[in-house]
Amino acid sequence: MTLLPGKNFIADSNCLIYESGDDVTTISYIVKGSVVAEGQYGTTTYNTGDFVGYKDIYTGFYSADYTATAGTELIPLVADSPDSLV
């Protein structure tokens, strides 16, 4: 799935937004709902107010599969390197 930076995304069902091993191009802010990250280190749930994928900027690839739960609203932001966070 490709999230468009600056354009709100609302998941109508559980939706894989970032796949483990893919290059980091965006991170997302959770406006409403939750995102579940499943990777080699276990499962983590991110909730409203959290950023998703920001830790992965330092390695350059997503370290887990990130799945937005139904009804989750995200704002994707361009972020392909640590410098892009400034």
PDB file of N, CA and C in Angstrom:
ATOM      1  N   MET A   1       0.842  -1.169   0.000  1.00  0.00           N
ATOM      2  CA  MET A   1       0.000   0.000   0.000  1.00  0.00           C
ATOM      3  C   MET A   1       0.885   1.228   0.000  1.00  0.00           C
ATOM      4  N   THR A   2       0.533   2.204  -0.777  1.00  0.00           N
ATOM      5  CA  THR A   2       1.251   3.470  -0.816  1.00  0.00           C
ATOM      6  C   THR A   2       0.413   4.547  -0.157  1.00  0.00           C
ATOM      7  N   LEU A   3       0.961   5.119   0.893  1.00  0.00           N
ATOM      8  CA  LEU A   3       0.294   6.220   1.564  1.00  0.00           C
ATOM      9  C   LEU A   3       0.783   7.521   0.941  1.00  0.00           C
ATOM     10  N   LEU A   4      -0.115   8.434   0.675  1.00  0.00           N
ATOM     11  CA  LEU A   4       0.246   9.709   0.068  1.00  0.00           C
ATOM     12  C   LEU A   4       0.524  10.737   1.156  1.00  0.00           C
ATOM     13  N   PRO A   5       1.760  11.257   1.215  1.00  0.00           N
ATOM     14  CA  PRO A   5       2.112  12.233   2.247  1.00  0.00           C
ATOM     15  C   PRO A   5       1.167  13.428   2.254  1.00  0.00           C
ATOM     16  N   GLY A   6       0.733  13.806   3.456  1.00  0.00           N
ATOM     17  CA  GLY A   6      -0.127  14.956   3.628  1.00  0.00           C
ATOM     18  C   GLY A   6      -1.601  14.698   3.364  1.00  0.00           C
ATOM     19  N   LYS A   7      -1.934  13.511   2.879  1.00  0.00           N
ATOM     20  CA  LYS A   7      -3.336  13.173   2.590  1.00  0.00           C
ATOM     21  C   LYS A   7      -3.800  12.152   3.631  1.00  0.00           C
ATOM     22  N   ASN A   8      -4.797  12.526   4.418  1.00  0.00           N
ATOM     23  CA  ASN A   8      -5.296  11.610   5.449  1.00  0.00           C
ATOM     24  C   ASN A   8      -5.738  10.289   4.827  1.00  0.00           C
ATOM     25  N   PHE A   9      -5.449   9.220   5.543  1.00  0.00           N
ATOM     26  CA  PHE A   9      -5.845   7.880   5.123  1.00  0.00           C
ATOM     27  C   PHE A   9      -6.705   7.292   6.227  1.00  0.00           C
ATOM     28  N   ILE A  10      -7.843   6.708   5.848  1.00  0.00           N
ATOM     29  CA  ILE A  10      -8.710   6.028   6.802  1.00  0.00           C
ATOM     30  C   ILE A  10      -8.854   4.578   6.359  1.00  0.00           C
ATOM     31  N   ALA A  11      -8.461   3.658   7.238  1.00  0.00           N
ATOM     32  CA  ALA A  11      -8.551   2.230   6.928  1.00  0.00           C
ATOM     33  C   ALA A  11      -9.990   1.759   7.097  1.00  0.00           C
ATOM     34  N   ASP A  12     -10.575   1.195   6.034  1.00  0.00           N
ATOM     35  CA  ASP A  12     -11.948   0.709   6.142  1.00  0.00           C
ATOM     36  C   ASP A  12     -12.001  -0.717   6.680  1.00  0.00           C
ATOM     37  N   SER A  13     -10.856  -1.391   6.689  1.00  0.00           N
ATOM     38  CA  SER A  13     -10.719  -2.709   7.305  1.00  0.00           C
ATOM     39  C   SER A  13      -9.263  -2.816   7.743  1.00  0.00           C
ATOM     40  N   ASN A  14      -8.876  -3.914   8.380  1.00  0.00           N
ATOM     41  CA  ASN A  14      -7.475  -4.067   8.746  1.00  0.00           C
ATOM     42  C   ASN A  14      -6.639  -3.984   7.478  1.00  0.00           C
ATOM     43  N   CYS A  15      -5.606  -3.135   7.496  1.00  0.00           N
ATOM     44  CA  CYS A  15      -4.874  -2.814   6.278  1.00  0.00           C
ATOM     45  C   CYS A  15      -3.374  -2.742   6.556  1.00  0.00           C
ATOM     46  N   LEU A  16      -2.586  -3.522   5.803  1.00  0.00           N
ATOM     47  CA  LEU A  16      -1.133  -3.474   5.907  1.00  0.00           C
ATOM     48  C   LEU A  16      -0.653  -2.156   5.302  1.00  0.00           C
ATOM     49  N   ILE A  17      -0.055  -1.289   6.123  1.00  0.00           N
ATOM     50  CA  ILE A  17       0.399   0.001   5.608  1.00  0.00           C
ATOM     51  C   ILE A  17       1.893   0.031   5.331  1.00  0.00           C
ATOM     52  N   TYR A  18       2.685  -0.706   6.091  1.00  0.00           N
ATOM     53  CA  TYR A  18       4.128  -0.814   5.869  1.00  0.00           C
ATOM     54  C   TYR A  18       4.513  -2.283   6.007  1.00  0.00           C
ATOM     55  N   GLU A  19       5.351  -2.754   5.091  1.00  0.00           N
ATOM     56  CA  GLU A  19       5.762  -4.158   5.123  1.00  0.00           C
ATOM     57  C   GLU A  19       7.225  -4.268   5.520  1.00  0.00           C
ATOM     58  N   SER A  20       7.516  -5.210   6.385  1.00  0.00           N
ATOM     59  CA  SER A  20       8.866  -5.448   6.864  1.00  0.00           C
ATOM     60  C   SER A  20       9.828  -5.597   5.689  1.00  0.00           C
ATOM     61  N   GLY A  21      10.949  -4.879   5.764  1.00  0.00           N
ATOM     62  CA  GLY A  21      11.970  -4.960   4.725  1.00  0.00           C
ATOM     63  C   GLY A  21      11.855  -3.909   3.638  1.00  0.00           C
ATOM     64  N   ASP A  22      10.693  -3.277   3.505  1.00  0.00           N
ATOM     65  CA  ASP A  22      10.526  -2.219   2.502  1.00  0.00           C
ATOM     66  C   ASP A  22      11.302  -0.974   2.929  1.00  0.00           C
ATOM     67  N   ASP A  23      11.752  -0.190   1.935  1.00  0.00           N
ATOM     68  CA  ASP A  23      12.439   1.063   2.218  1.00  0.00           C
ATOM     69  C   ASP A  23      11.487   2.044   2.897  1.00  0.00           C
ATOM     70  N   VAL A  24      12.006   2.775   3.865  1.00  0.00           N
ATOM     71  CA  VAL A  24      11.202   3.790   4.551  1.00  0.00           C
ATOM     72  C   VAL A  24      11.060   4.997   3.634  1.00  0.00           C
ATOM     73  N   THR A  25       9.829   5.382   3.374  1.00  0.00           N
ATOM     74  CA  THR A  25       9.548   6.577   2.572  1.00  0.00           C
ATOM     75  C   THR A  25       8.673   7.545   3.348  1.00  0.00           C
ATOM     76  N   THR A  26       7.835   7.008   4.231  1.00  0.00           N
ATOM     77  CA  THR A  26       6.975   7.848   5.059  1.00  0.00           C
ATOM     78  C   THR A  26       6.898   7.268   6.468  1.00  0.00           C
ATOM     79  N   ILE A  27       6.518   8.137   7.393  1.00  0.00           N
ATOM     80  CA  ILE A  27       6.083   7.702   8.710  1.00  0.00           C
ATOM     81  C   ILE A  27       4.654   8.221   8.832  1.00  0.00           C
ATOM     82  N   SER A  28       3.907   7.734   9.792  1.00  0.00           N
ATOM     83  CA  SER A  28       2.511   8.169   9.915  1.00  0.00           C
ATOM     84  C   SER A  28       2.172   8.553  11.344  1.00  0.00           C
ATOM     85  N   TYR A  29       1.359   9.607  11.447  1.00  0.00           N
ATOM     86  CA  TYR A  29       0.811  10.047  12.727  1.00  0.00           C
ATOM     87  C   TYR A  29      -0.591   9.458  12.846  1.00  0.00           C
ATOM     88  N   ILE A  30      -0.903   8.842  13.990  1.00  0.00           N
ATOM     89  CA  ILE A  30      -2.213   8.240  14.199  1.00  0.00           C
ATOM     90  C   ILE A  30      -3.155   9.292  14.783  1.00  0.00           C
ATOM     91  N   VAL A  31      -4.121   9.710  13.972  1.00  0.00           N
ATOM     92  CA  VAL A  31      -5.116  10.686  14.391  1.00  0.00           C
ATOM     93  C   VAL A  31      -6.177  10.011  15.253  1.00  0.00           C
ATOM     94  N   LYS A  32      -6.553   8.802  14.841  1.00  0.00           N
ATOM     95  CA  LYS A  32      -7.596   8.045  15.541  1.00  0.00           C
ATOM     96  C   LYS A  32      -7.365   6.566  15.268  1.00  0.00           C
ATOM     97  N   GLY A  33      -7.548   5.735  16.284  1.00  0.00           N
ATOM     98  CA  GLY A  33      -7.432   4.287  16.093  1.00  0.00           C
ATOM     99  C   GLY A  33      -6.107   3.731  16.562  1.00  0.00           C
ATOM    100  N   SER A  34      -5.665   2.637  15.914  1.00  0.00           N
ATOM    101  CA  SER A  34      -4.421   1.984  16.324  1.00  0.00           C
ATOM    102  C   SER A  34      -3.773   1.245  15.152  1.00  0.00           C
ATOM    103  N   VAL A  35      -2.471   1.019  15.317  1.00  0.00           N
ATOM    104  CA  VAL A  35      -1.683   0.278  14.338  1.00  0.00           C
ATOM    105  C   VAL A  35      -0.918  -0.799  15.103  1.00  0.00           C
ATOM    106  N   VAL A  36      -0.943  -2.021  14.583  1.00  0.00           N
ATOM    107  CA  VAL A  36      -0.249  -3.142  15.209  1.00  0.00           C
ATOM    108  C   VAL A  36       1.007  -3.436  14.393  1.00  0.00           C
ATOM    109  N   ALA A  37       2.163  -3.466  15.080  1.00  0.00           N
ATOM    110  CA  ALA A  37       3.439  -3.801  14.447  1.00  0.00           C
ATOM    111  C   ALA A  37       3.821  -5.212  14.866  1.00  0.00           C
ATOM    112  N   GLU A  38       4.042  -6.077  13.881  1.00  0.00           N
ATOM    113  CA  GLU A  38       4.460  -7.453  14.158  1.00  0.00           C
ATOM    114  C   GLU A  38       5.781  -7.705  13.472  1.00  0.00           C
ATOM    115  N   GLY A  39       6.817  -8.017  14.289  1.00  0.00           N
ATOM    116  CA  GLY A  39       8.140  -8.257  13.740  1.00  0.00           C
ATOM    117  C   GLY A  39       8.898  -9.277  14.551  1.00  0.00           C
ATOM    118  N   GLN A  40      10.191  -9.342  14.307  1.00  0.00           N
ATOM    119  CA  GLN A  40      11.014 -10.347  14.978  1.00  0.00           C
ATOM    120  C   GLN A  40      11.115 -10.134  16.481  1.00  0.00           C
ATOM    121  N   TYR A  41      10.804  -8.925  16.956  1.00  0.00           N
ATOM    122  CA  TYR A  41      10.881  -8.642  18.388  1.00  0.00           C
ATOM    123  C   TYR A  41       9.529  -8.711  19.085  1.00  0.00           C
ATOM    124  N   GLY A  42       8.511  -9.208  18.375  1.00  0.00           N
ATOM    125  CA  GLY A  42       7.198  -9.353  18.981  1.00  0.00           C
ATOM    126  C   GLY A  42       6.172  -8.417  18.373  1.00  0.00           C
ATOM    127  N   THR A  43       5.109  -8.187  19.127  1.00  0.00           N
ATOM    128  CA  THR A  43       3.995  -7.367  18.666  1.00  0.00           C
ATOM    129  C   THR A  43       3.865  -6.134  19.550  1.00  0.00           C
ATOM    130  N   THR A  44       3.694  -4.973  18.896  1.00  0.00           N
ATOM    131  CA  THR A  44       3.519  -3.705  19.599  1.00  0.00           C
ATOM    132  C   THR A  44       2.304  -3.005  19.017  1.00  0.00           C
ATOM    133  N   THR A  45       1.499  -2.396  19.870  1.00  0.00           N
ATOM    134  CA  THR A  45       0.345  -1.630  19.403  1.00  0.00           C
ATOM    135  C   THR A  45       0.605  -0.146  19.625  1.00  0.00           C
ATOM    136  N   TYR A  46       0.431   0.637  18.552  1.00  0.00           N
ATOM    137  CA  TYR A  46       0.543   2.099  18.603  1.00  0.00           C
ATOM    138  C   TYR A  46      -0.867   2.664  18.572  1.00  0.00           C
ATOM    139  N   ASN A  47      -1.107   3.699  19.345  1.00  0.00           N
ATOM    140  CA  ASN A  47      -2.449   4.259  19.488  1.00  0.00           C
ATOM    141  C   ASN A  47      -2.504   5.730  19.094  1.00  0.00           C
ATOM    142  N   THR A  48      -3.696   6.303  19.167  1.00  0.00           N
ATOM    143  CA  THR A  48      -3.914   7.713  18.847  1.00  0.00           C
ATOM    144  C   THR A  48      -2.826   8.581  19.478  1.00  0.00           C
ATOM    145  N   GLY A  49      -2.232   9.467  18.654  1.00  0.00           N
ATOM    146  CA  GLY A  49      -1.184  10.359  19.130  1.00  0.00           C
ATOM    147  C   GLY A  49       0.220   9.847  18.917  1.00  0.00           C
ATOM    148  N   ASP A  50       0.364   8.580  18.527  1.00  0.00           N
ATOM    149  CA  ASP A  50       1.684   7.998  18.282  1.00  0.00           C
ATOM    150  C   ASP A  50       2.099   8.174  16.823  1.00  0.00           C
ATOM    151  N   PHE A  51       3.409   8.127  16.590  1.00  0.00           N
ATOM    152  CA  PHE A  51       3.958   8.072  15.240  1.00  0.00           C
ATOM    153  C   PHE A  51       4.352   6.636  14.950  1.00  0.00           C
ATOM    154  N   VAL A  52       4.120   6.203  13.724  1.00  0.00           N
ATOM    155  CA  VAL A  52       4.428   4.833  13.308  1.00  0.00           C
ATOM    156  C   VAL A  52       5.574   4.867  12.301  1.00  0.00           C
ATOM    157  N   GLY A  53       6.581   4.042  12.533  1.00  0.00           N
ATOM    158  CA  GLY A  53       7.685   3.890  11.592  1.00  0.00           C
ATOM    159  C   GLY A  53       8.855   4.821  11.824  1.00  0.00           C
ATOM    160  N   TYR A  54       8.764   5.710  12.802  1.00  0.00           N
ATOM    161  CA  TYR A  54       9.832   6.692  12.976  1.00  0.00           C
ATOM    162  C   TYR A  54      11.160   6.066  13.402  1.00  0.00           C
ATOM    163  N   LYS A  55      11.123   4.996  14.165  1.00  0.00           N
ATOM    164  CA  LYS A  55      12.362   4.335  14.581  1.00  0.00           C
ATOM    165  C   LYS A  55      13.073   3.678  13.402  1.00  0.00           C
ATOM    166  N   ASP A  56      12.322   3.325  12.381  1.00  0.00           N
ATOM    167  CA  ASP A  56      12.878   2.635  11.221  1.00  0.00           C
ATOM    168  C   ASP A  56      13.671   3.556  10.301  1.00  0.00           C
ATOM    169  N   ILE A  57      13.527   4.862  10.463  1.00  0.00           N
ATOM    170  CA  ILE A  57      14.262   5.815   9.621  1.00  0.00           C
ATOM    171  C   ILE A  57      15.764   5.600   9.758  1.00  0.00           C
ATOM    172  N   TYR A  58      16.218   5.206  10.930  1.00  0.00           N
ATOM    173  CA  TYR A  58      17.647   5.076  11.181  1.00  0.00           C
ATOM    174  C   TYR A  58      18.274   3.876  10.478  1.00  0.00           C
ATOM    175  N   THR A  59      17.472   2.868  10.166  1.00  0.00           N
ATOM    176  CA  THR A  59      17.994   1.710   9.422  1.00  0.00           C
ATOM    177  C   THR A  59      17.676   1.816   7.934  1.00  0.00           C
ATOM    178  N   GLY A  60      16.661   2.612   7.597  1.00  0.00           N
ATOM    179  CA  GLY A  60      16.298   2.796   6.197  1.00  0.00           C
ATOM    180  C   GLY A  60      15.243   1.828   5.690  1.00  0.00           C
ATOM    181  N   PHE A  61      14.829   0.879   6.523  1.00  0.00           N
ATOM    182  CA  PHE A  61      13.784  -0.069   6.118  1.00  0.00           C
ATOM    183  C   PHE A  61      12.857  -0.337   7.303  1.00  0.00           C
ATOM    184  N   TYR A  62      11.620  -0.729   6.978  1.00  0.00           N
ATOM    185  CA  TYR A  62      10.656  -1.029   8.034  1.00  0.00           C
ATOM    186  C   TYR A  62      11.028  -2.348   8.700  1.00  0.00           C
ATOM    187  N   SER A  63      11.057  -2.359  10.030  1.00  0.00           N
ATOM    188  CA  SER A  63      11.505  -3.534  10.780  1.00  0.00           C
ATOM    189  C   SER A  63      10.373  -4.488  11.133  1.00  0.00           C
ATOM    190  N   ALA A  64       9.146  -4.142  10.757  1.00  0.00           N
ATOM    191  CA  ALA A  64       7.984  -4.962  11.097  1.00  0.00           C
ATOM    192  C   ALA A  64       6.897  -4.748  10.050  1.00  0.00           C
ATOM    193  N   ASP A  65       5.884  -5.599  10.100  1.00  0.00           N
ATOM    194  CA  ASP A  65       4.665  -5.373   9.319  1.00  0.00           C
ATOM    195  C   ASP A  65       3.756  -4.507  10.178  1.00  0.00           C
ATOM    196  N   TYR A  66       3.344  -3.361   9.640  1.00  0.00           N
ATOM    197  CA  TYR A  66       2.479  -2.427  10.363  1.00  0.00           C
ATOM    198  C   TYR A  66       1.085  -2.516   9.761  1.00  0.00           C
ATOM    199  N   THR A  67       0.099  -2.871  10.585  1.00  0.00           N
ATOM    200  CA  THR A  67      -1.273  -3.032  10.122  1.00  0.00           C
ATOM    201  C   THR A  67      -2.193  -2.066  10.863  1.00  0.00           C
ATOM    202  N   ALA A  68      -2.863  -1.205  10.094  1.00  0.00           N
ATOM    203  CA  ALA A  68      -3.843  -0.281  10.675  1.00  0.00           C
ATOM    204  C   ALA A  68      -5.136  -1.045  10.900  1.00  0.00           C
ATOM    205  N   THR A  69      -5.710  -0.894  12.087  1.00  0.00           N
ATOM    206  CA  THR A  69      -6.978  -1.563  12.371  1.00  0.00           C
ATOM    207  C   THR A  69      -8.116  -0.782  11.717  1.00  0.00           C
ATOM    208  N   ALA A  70      -9.238  -1.448  11.532  1.00  0.00           N
ATOM    209  CA  ALA A  70     -10.398  -0.828  10.873  1.00  0.00           C
ATOM    210  C   ALA A  70     -10.773   0.481  11.558  1.00  0.00           C
ATOM    211  N   GLY A  71     -10.989   1.525  10.757  1.00  0.00           N
ATOM    212  CA  GLY A  71     -11.393   2.815  11.273  1.00  0.00           C
ATOM    213  C   GLY A  71     -10.244   3.719  11.686  1.00  0.00           C
ATOM    214  N   THR A  72      -9.014   3.240  11.566  1.00  0.00           N
ATOM    215  CA  THR A  72      -7.859   4.054  11.938  1.00  0.00           C
ATOM    216  C   THR A  72      -7.632   5.158  10.914  1.00  0.00           C
ATOM    217  N   GLU A  73      -7.368   6.370  11.412  1.00  0.00           N
ATOM    218  CA  GLU A  73      -7.061   7.503  10.542  1.00  0.00           C
ATOM    219  C   GLU A  73      -5.604   7.897  10.746  1.00  0.00           C
ATOM    220  N   LEU A  74      -4.872   7.992   9.630  1.00  0.00           N
ATOM    221  CA  LEU A  74      -3.449   8.313   9.658  1.00  0.00           C
ATOM    222  C   LEU A  74      -3.157   9.539   8.814  1.00  0.00           C
ATOM    223  N   ILE A  75      -2.089  10.252   9.188  1.00  0.00           N
ATOM    224  CA  ILE A  75      -1.543  11.305   8.343  1.00  0.00           C
ATOM    225  C   ILE A  75      -0.111  10.891   8.009  1.00  0.00           C
ATOM    226  N   PRO A  76       0.142  10.450   6.769  1.00  0.00           N
ATOM    227  CA  PRO A  76       1.499  10.082   6.367  1.00  0.00           C
ATOM    228  C   PRO A  76       2.350  11.337   6.135  1.00  0.00           C
ATOM    229  N   LEU A  77       3.609  11.263   6.543  1.00  0.00           N
ATOM    230  CA  LEU A  77       4.546  12.365   6.398  1.00  0.00           C
ATOM    231  C   LEU A  77       5.802  11.864   5.692  1.00  0.00           C
ATOM    232  N   VAL A  78       6.345  12.658   4.783  1.00  0.00           N
ATOM    233  CA  VAL A  78       7.591  12.278   4.110  1.00  0.00           C
ATOM    234  C   VAL A  78       8.685  12.176   5.152  1.00  0.00           C
ATOM    235  N   ALA A  79       9.372  11.070   5.156  1.00  0.00           N
ATOM    236  CA  ALA A  79      10.466  10.855   6.093  1.00  0.00           C
ATOM    237  C   ALA A  79      11.301   9.688   5.582  1.00  0.00           C
ATOM    238  N   ASP A  80      12.352  10.003   4.860  1.00  0.00           N
ATOM    239  CA  ASP A  80      13.183   8.935   4.310  1.00  0.00           C
ATOM    240  C   ASP A  80      14.588   8.907   4.901  1.00  0.00           C
ATOM    241  N   SER A  81      14.848   9.797   5.861  1.00  0.00           N
ATOM    242  CA  SER A  81      16.136   9.834   6.549  1.00  0.00           C
ATOM    243  C   SER A  81      15.966  10.581   7.868  1.00  0.00           C
ATOM    244  N   PRO A  82      16.922  10.412   8.797  1.00  0.00           N
ATOM    245  CA  PRO A  82      16.807  11.145  10.066  1.00  0.00           C
ATOM    246  C   PRO A  82      16.756  12.664   9.848  1.00  0.00           C
ATOM    247  N   ASP A  83      17.445  13.172   8.836  1.00  0.00           N
ATOM    248  CA  ASP A  83      17.445  14.611   8.560  1.00  0.00           C
ATOM    249  C   ASP A  83      16.069  15.122   8.184  1.00  0.00           C
ATOM    250  N   SER A  84      15.224  14.263   7.622  1.00  0.00           N
ATOM    251  CA  SER A  84      13.888  14.697   7.200  1.00  0.00           C
ATOM    252  C   SER A  84      12.964  14.955   8.384  1.00  0.00           C
ATOM    253  N   LEU A  85      13.369  14.577   9.576  1.00  0.00           N
ATOM    254  CA  LEU A  85      12.536  14.803  10.757  1.00  0.00           C
ATOM    255  C   LEU A  85      12.667  16.227  11.290  1.00  0.00           C
ATOM    256  N   VAL A  86      13.690  16.926  10.857  1.00  0.00           N
ATOM    257  CA  VAL A  86      13.921  18.292  11.345  1.00  0.00           C
ATOM    258  C   VAL A  86      12.950  19.255  10.733  1.00  0.00           C
TER     259      VAL A  86
END
